[in-house]
Amino acid sequence: MAKPDNRADNVERIQFNINHTISNFNEAEEYLAEHADEITPQDRQAIEAKNERRLQSLQSFREEIRDEAKHREQS
């Protein structure tokens, strides 16, 4: 038998992921600012692409939080 859906900590888990993603984004930006002249164009492009994916993830996390808020209102 499947376990019932326990969404009690979803908002906290999502918020943790948001904070972690923002931290990683900022660290990458700081790294680029400090070492832009020391890294290859390919490495710079890879870091920039990863940060773009992080921004997309943040948008998805925010949508998940809105969904969780709606679920809590209905419960």
N, C-alpha and C. Protein backbone atom coordinates (compact mmCIF):
# COMPACT_ATOMS: atom_id res chain seq x y z
N MET A 1 0.84 -1.17 0.00
CA MET A 1 0.00 0.00 0.00
C MET A 1 0.89 1.25 0.00
N ALA A 2 0.52 2.22 -0.77
CA ALA A 2 1.30 3.46 -0.88
C ALA A 2 1.14 4.29 0.39
N LYS A 3 2.21 5.01 0.73
CA LYS A 3 2.14 5.91 1.88
C LYS A 3 1.28 7.11 1.51
N PRO A 4 0.55 7.64 2.48
CA PRO A 4 -0.22 8.86 2.20
C PRO A 4 0.73 10.03 1.93
N ASP A 5 0.27 10.98 1.14
CA ASP A 5 1.07 12.15 0.78
C ASP A 5 1.21 13.05 2.00
N ASN A 6 2.44 13.17 2.52
CA ASN A 6 2.69 14.04 3.66
C ASN A 6 3.39 15.30 3.16
N ARG A 7 2.66 16.39 3.10
CA ARG A 7 3.19 17.64 2.57
C ARG A 7 3.52 18.63 3.68
N ALA A 8 3.59 18.15 4.91
CA ALA A 8 3.75 19.04 6.05
C ALA A 8 5.00 19.90 5.98
N ASP A 9 6.11 19.36 5.48
CA ASP A 9 7.35 20.13 5.47
C ASP A 9 7.75 20.62 4.08
N ASN A 10 6.87 20.56 3.14
CA ASN A 10 7.22 20.94 1.77
C ASN A 10 7.68 22.39 1.64
N VAL A 11 6.98 23.31 2.28
CA VAL A 11 7.34 24.72 2.15
C VAL A 11 8.73 24.95 2.74
N GLU A 12 9.00 24.35 3.89
CA GLU A 12 10.31 24.51 4.51
C GLU A 12 11.41 23.90 3.63
N ARG A 13 11.15 22.75 3.06
CA ARG A 13 12.12 22.09 2.19
C ARG A 13 12.37 22.93 0.94
N ILE A 14 11.31 23.45 0.36
CA ILE A 14 11.46 24.29 -0.84
C ILE A 14 12.22 25.57 -0.49
N GLN A 15 11.91 26.17 0.66
CA GLN A 15 12.60 27.39 1.06
C GLN A 15 14.08 27.13 1.29
N PHE A 16 14.41 25.98 1.87
CA PHE A 16 15.82 25.60 2.04
C PHE A 16 16.50 25.53 0.67
N ASN A 17 15.84 24.91 -0.30
CA ASN A 17 16.40 24.78 -1.65
C ASN A 17 16.57 26.14 -2.32
N ILE A 18 15.62 27.04 -2.10
CA ILE A 18 15.72 28.39 -2.64
C ILE A 18 16.95 29.09 -2.07
N ASN A 19 17.09 29.03 -0.75
CA ASN A 19 18.23 29.69 -0.10
C ASN A 19 19.55 29.12 -0.60
N HIS A 20 19.62 27.81 -0.72
CA HIS A 20 20.83 27.14 -1.20
C HIS A 20 21.15 27.54 -2.64
N THR A 21 20.14 27.61 -3.48
CA THR A 21 20.33 27.99 -4.88
C THR A 21 20.79 29.44 -5.00
N ILE A 22 20.20 30.33 -4.21
CA ILE A 22 20.61 31.73 -4.23
C ILE A 22 22.07 31.86 -3.77
N SER A 23 22.43 31.12 -2.74
CA SER A 23 23.81 31.14 -2.25
C SER A 23 24.78 30.68 -3.34
N ASN A 24 24.45 29.59 -4.01
CA ASN A 24 25.31 29.09 -5.09
C ASN A 24 25.40 30.09 -6.23
N PHE A 25 24.29 30.71 -6.57
CA PHE A 25 24.26 31.73 -7.62
C PHE A 25 25.21 32.87 -7.27
N ASN A 26 25.08 33.37 -6.04
CA ASN A 26 25.91 34.50 -5.60
C ASN A 26 27.39 34.13 -5.57
N GLU A 27 27.70 32.93 -5.10
CA GLU A 27 29.10 32.48 -5.07
C GLU A 27 29.67 32.43 -6.49
N ALA A 28 28.90 31.94 -7.43
CA ALA A 28 29.37 31.86 -8.81
C ALA A 28 29.58 33.26 -9.39
N GLU A 29 28.67 34.17 -9.10
CA GLU A 29 28.82 35.54 -9.59
C GLU A 29 30.07 36.20 -9.00
N GLU A 30 30.29 35.99 -7.70
CA GLU A 30 31.47 36.54 -7.06
C GLU A 30 32.75 35.94 -7.66
N TYR A 31 32.72 34.65 -7.91
CA TYR A 31 33.87 33.98 -8.51
C TYR A 31 34.17 34.57 -9.88
N LEU A 32 33.13 34.76 -10.67
CA LEU A 32 33.34 35.36 -12.00
C LEU A 32 33.89 36.77 -11.90
N ALA A 33 33.38 37.54 -10.95
CA ALA A 33 33.85 38.92 -10.80
C ALA A 33 35.32 38.96 -10.39
N GLU A 34 35.74 38.03 -9.55
CA GLU A 34 37.10 38.04 -9.05
C GLU A 34 38.11 37.37 -9.99
N HIS A 35 37.64 36.38 -10.77
CA HIS A 35 38.58 35.57 -11.55
C HIS A 35 38.28 35.55 -13.04
N ALA A 36 37.52 36.50 -13.52
CA ALA A 36 37.13 36.49 -14.92
C ALA A 36 38.32 36.45 -15.87
N ASP A 37 39.39 37.12 -15.49
CA ASP A 37 40.55 37.17 -16.38
C ASP A 37 41.45 35.94 -16.24
N GLU A 38 41.13 35.05 -15.29
CA GLU A 38 41.96 33.87 -15.06
C GLU A 38 41.35 32.58 -15.59
N ILE A 39 40.10 32.62 -16.00
CA ILE A 39 39.44 31.39 -16.45
C ILE A 39 39.24 31.41 -17.96
N THR A 40 39.07 30.23 -18.50
CA THR A 40 38.89 30.13 -19.94
C THR A 40 37.49 30.61 -20.33
N PRO A 41 37.33 31.03 -21.57
CA PRO A 41 35.99 31.43 -22.03
C PRO A 41 34.97 30.28 -21.88
N GLN A 42 35.42 29.05 -22.06
CA GLN A 42 34.52 27.91 -21.92
C GLN A 42 34.06 27.75 -20.47
N ASP A 43 34.98 27.93 -19.52
CA ASP A 43 34.62 27.84 -18.11
C ASP A 43 33.66 28.97 -17.72
N ARG A 44 33.94 30.16 -18.22
CA ARG A 44 33.06 31.30 -17.93
C ARG A 44 31.66 31.01 -18.48
N GLN A 45 31.60 30.51 -19.70
CA GLN A 45 30.32 30.20 -20.32
C GLN A 45 29.58 29.11 -19.54
N ALA A 46 30.31 28.12 -19.04
CA ALA A 46 29.69 27.05 -18.27
C ALA A 46 29.11 27.58 -16.96
N ILE A 47 29.84 28.46 -16.30
CA ILE A 47 29.34 29.05 -15.04
C ILE A 47 28.12 29.91 -15.31
N GLU A 48 28.17 30.70 -16.37
CA GLU A 48 27.02 31.55 -16.72
C GLU A 48 25.80 30.70 -17.07
N ALA A 49 26.01 29.60 -17.78
CA ALA A 49 24.90 28.72 -18.14
C ALA A 49 24.30 28.07 -16.89
N LYS A 50 25.16 27.68 -15.98
CA LYS A 50 24.67 27.07 -14.74
C LYS A 50 23.87 28.09 -13.93
N ASN A 51 24.32 29.32 -13.90
CA ASN A 51 23.56 30.35 -13.18
C ASN A 51 22.22 30.63 -13.85
N GLU A 52 22.18 30.54 -15.15
CA GLU A 52 20.89 30.70 -15.86
C GLU A 52 19.94 29.58 -15.44
N ARG A 53 20.45 28.37 -15.34
CA ARG A 53 19.61 27.25 -14.89
C ARG A 53 19.17 27.45 -13.44
N ARG A 54 20.04 28.03 -12.64
CA ARG A 54 19.66 28.32 -11.25
C ARG A 54 18.50 29.31 -11.20
N LEU A 55 18.55 30.34 -12.05
CA LEU A 55 17.45 31.31 -12.10
C LEU A 55 16.14 30.63 -12.50
N GLN A 56 16.21 29.71 -13.44
CA GLN A 56 15.03 28.97 -13.85
C GLN A 56 14.52 28.10 -12.70
N SER A 57 15.42 27.49 -11.96
CA SER A 57 15.04 26.67 -10.80
C SER A 57 14.36 27.52 -9.74
N LEU A 58 14.88 28.72 -9.52
CA LEU A 58 14.26 29.61 -8.53
C LEU A 58 12.81 29.93 -8.90
N GLN A 59 12.57 30.15 -10.18
CA GLN A 59 11.20 30.40 -10.63
C GLN A 59 10.32 29.19 -10.36
N SER A 60 10.83 28.01 -10.63
CA SER A 60 10.06 26.79 -10.37
C SER A 60 9.80 26.60 -8.88
N PHE A 61 10.80 26.88 -8.05
CA PHE A 61 10.61 26.78 -6.60
C PHE A 61 9.52 27.72 -6.13
N ARG A 62 9.51 28.92 -6.67
CA ARG A 62 8.49 29.91 -6.27
C ARG A 62 7.09 29.43 -6.67
N GLU A 63 6.99 28.82 -7.82
CA GLU A 63 5.71 28.26 -8.25
C GLU A 63 5.28 27.12 -7.32
N GLU A 64 6.23 26.30 -6.90
CA GLU A 64 5.93 25.21 -5.98
C GLU A 64 5.42 25.74 -4.65
N ILE A 65 6.03 26.81 -4.17
CA ILE A 65 5.58 27.40 -2.90
C ILE A 65 4.16 27.93 -3.04
N ARG A 66 3.86 28.54 -4.17
CA ARG A 66 2.47 29.02 -4.39
C ARG A 66 1.50 27.84 -4.39
N ASP A 67 1.89 26.74 -5.03
CA ASP A 67 1.04 25.55 -5.03
C ASP A 67 0.83 25.01 -3.62
N GLU A 68 1.91 25.00 -2.84
CA GLU A 68 1.80 24.51 -1.47
C GLU A 68 0.90 25.42 -0.64
N ALA A 69 1.00 26.72 -0.85
CA ALA A 69 0.15 27.66 -0.12
C ALA A 69 -1.33 27.41 -0.45
N LYS A 70 -1.61 27.17 -1.72
CA LYS A 70 -2.99 26.87 -2.12
C LYS A 70 -3.46 25.57 -1.47
N HIS A 71 -2.58 24.58 -1.42
CA HIS A 71 -2.93 23.28 -0.82
C HIS A 71 -3.24 23.47 0.67
N ARG A 72 -2.46 24.28 1.35
CA ARG A 72 -2.68 24.52 2.78
C ARG A 72 -4.00 25.24 3.01
N GLU A 73 -4.35 26.17 2.11
CA GLU A 73 -5.62 26.89 2.25
C GLU A 73 -6.80 25.96 2.10
N GLN A 74 -6.65 24.96 1.23
CA GLN A 74 -7.75 24.02 0.97
C GLN A 74 -7.87 22.96 2.07
N SER A 75 -6.83 22.77 2.84
CA SER A 75 -6.84 21.73 3.90
C SER A 75 -7.52 22.20 5.14
